Amino acid sequence: MSSTGELACTYACLILHDDGIPVTAEKIATVVKAANLQVESYWPSLFAKLCEKKNVEDLIMNVGSGGTAAPTGAVAGAPPVTGDDAATASSTADKKKEEPKEESDDEAMFSLFD
């Protein structure tokens, strides 16, 4: 049941934050109860304390970036890619990539039999 409690409180926090309502233990418990779910009594207060100390927007934007391991395919010590770097790389790749010349049906047929 603990994973259900965590998930229910996570969604409750997101709902409250999205609606601009202060995230408190009582409000989390109210949302969970309105969803017809039961969670252990300590979950709402734990999540409320977390939301007090951390900005919910920051938590949402940093999902999955909590570990120290490099992502798959990343080179250790490589500088992070910024938006400018990504735009430059994609425009360079677009320039290198030429579209193949399309042949008409007539040309394709003659080349098959020549």
Protein backbone atom coordinates (compact mmCIF):
# COMPACT_ATOMS: atom_id res chain seq x y z
CA MET A 1 0.00 0.00 0.00
CA SER A 2 2.94 2.36 0.49
CA SER A 3 3.54 2.79 -3.25
CA THR A 4 -0.15 3.61 -3.64
CA GLY A 5 0.16 6.17 -0.85
CA GLU A 6 3.20 7.76 -2.47
CA LEU A 7 1.56 7.90 -5.86
CA ALA A 8 -1.71 9.28 -4.49
CA CYS A 9 0.11 12.02 -2.56
CA THR A 10 2.28 12.84 -5.56
CA TYR A 11 -0.77 13.36 -7.74
CA ALA A 12 -2.49 15.32 -4.99
CA CYS A 13 0.51 17.67 -4.73
CA LEU A 14 0.55 18.16 -8.49
CA ILE A 15 -3.18 18.88 -8.56
CA LEU A 16 -2.93 21.39 -5.73
CA HIS A 17 0.08 23.10 -7.28
CA ASP A 18 -1.55 23.24 -10.70
CA ASP A 19 -4.63 24.91 -9.20
CA GLY A 20 -2.50 27.42 -7.30
CA ILE A 21 -3.60 26.07 -3.92
CA PRO A 22 -0.98 25.96 -1.13
CA VAL A 23 0.21 22.38 -0.63
CA THR A 24 -0.49 21.39 2.97
CA ALA A 25 -0.95 18.02 4.65
CA GLU A 26 -4.65 18.72 5.17
CA LYS A 27 -5.22 19.65 1.53
CA ILE A 28 -3.29 16.61 0.30
CA ALA A 29 -5.39 14.38 2.58
CA THR A 30 -8.56 16.05 1.29
CA VAL A 31 -7.65 15.42 -2.35
CA VAL A 32 -6.71 11.81 -1.60
CA LYS A 33 -9.98 11.27 0.26
CA ALA A 34 -11.95 12.87 -2.59
CA ALA A 35 -10.31 10.37 -4.94
CA ASN A 36 -11.72 7.64 -2.70
CA LEU A 37 -8.24 6.38 -1.76
CA GLN A 38 -6.78 5.44 1.58
CA VAL A 39 -3.19 6.23 2.46
CA GLU A 40 -1.23 5.87 5.65
CA SER A 41 -1.51 8.99 7.78
CA TYR A 42 2.16 10.01 7.51
CA TRP A 43 2.26 10.36 3.70
CA PRO A 44 0.40 13.68 3.39
CA SER A 45 2.59 15.37 6.02
CA LEU A 46 5.80 14.05 4.41
CA PHE A 47 4.79 15.36 1.02
CA ALA A 48 3.67 18.69 2.47
CA LYS A 49 7.07 19.12 4.15
CA LEU A 50 8.81 18.30 0.88
CA CYS A 51 6.71 20.85 -1.00
CA GLU A 52 7.48 23.45 1.68
CA LYS A 53 11.22 23.01 1.24
CA LYS A 54 11.37 22.49 -2.53
CA ASN A 55 9.66 24.33 -5.33
CA VAL A 56 7.23 21.94 -7.04
CA GLU A 57 8.16 23.37 -10.46
CA ASP A 58 11.81 22.50 -9.80
CA LEU A 59 10.87 18.98 -8.77
CA ILE A 60 8.85 18.51 -11.96
CA MET A 61 11.59 19.86 -14.21
CA ASN A 62 14.30 17.71 -12.60
CA VAL A 63 12.55 14.36 -12.72
CA GLY A 64 15.11 11.66 -13.33
CA SER A 65 18.16 13.87 -12.91
CA GLY A 66 18.85 12.97 -9.29
CA GLY A 67 21.56 10.37 -9.83
CA THR A 68 25.27 10.82 -10.40
CA ALA A 69 25.51 8.24 -13.17
CA ALA A 70 25.94 9.54 -16.69
CA PRO A 71 23.04 8.88 -19.03
CA THR A 72 23.44 6.13 -21.60
CA GLY A 73 25.59 7.28 -24.47
CA ALA A 74 27.06 10.24 -22.59
CA VAL A 75 30.79 10.69 -22.40
CA ALA A 76 32.25 11.22 -18.96
CA GLY A 77 33.62 14.74 -18.62
CA ALA A 78 31.82 16.00 -21.71
CA PRO A 79 30.29 19.45 -21.31
CA PRO A 80 26.50 19.59 -21.16
CA VAL A 81 24.70 20.37 -24.37
CA THR A 82 22.89 23.69 -24.35
CA GLY A 83 20.00 24.78 -26.52
CA ASP A 84 22.38 26.77 -28.76
CA ASP A 85 24.64 23.74 -29.21
CA ALA A 86 21.70 21.54 -30.12
CA ALA A 87 20.38 24.08 -32.65
CA THR A 88 23.81 24.40 -34.26
CA ALA A 89 24.24 20.63 -34.43
CA SER A 90 20.83 20.11 -36.01
CA SER A 91 21.37 22.86 -38.61
CA THR A 92 24.77 21.39 -39.49
CA ALA A 93 23.23 17.95 -39.85
CA ASP A 94 20.49 19.39 -42.07
CA LYS A 95 23.07 21.01 -44.35
CA LYS A 96 25.04 17.77 -44.68
CA LYS A 97 21.94 15.76 -45.37
CA GLU A 98 20.97 16.25 -48.98
CA GLU A 99 17.68 15.05 -50.25
CA PRO A 100 18.03 12.32 -52.86
CA LYS A 101 17.14 13.33 -56.39
CA GLU A 102 13.72 12.01 -57.22
CA GLU A 103 13.44 10.30 -60.56
CA SER A 104 10.33 10.33 -62.62
CA ASP A 105 8.58 7.05 -63.35
CA ASP A 106 9.80 7.13 -66.94
CA GLU A 107 13.45 7.49 -65.91
CA ALA A 108 13.13 4.68 -63.37
CA MET A 109 11.71 2.29 -65.97
CA PHE A 110 14.40 2.99 -68.53
CA SER A 111 17.18 2.52 -66.02
CA LEU A 112 15.78 -0.90 -65.11
CA PHE A 113 16.03 -2.17 -68.65
CA ASP A 114 19.23 -0.48 -69.87
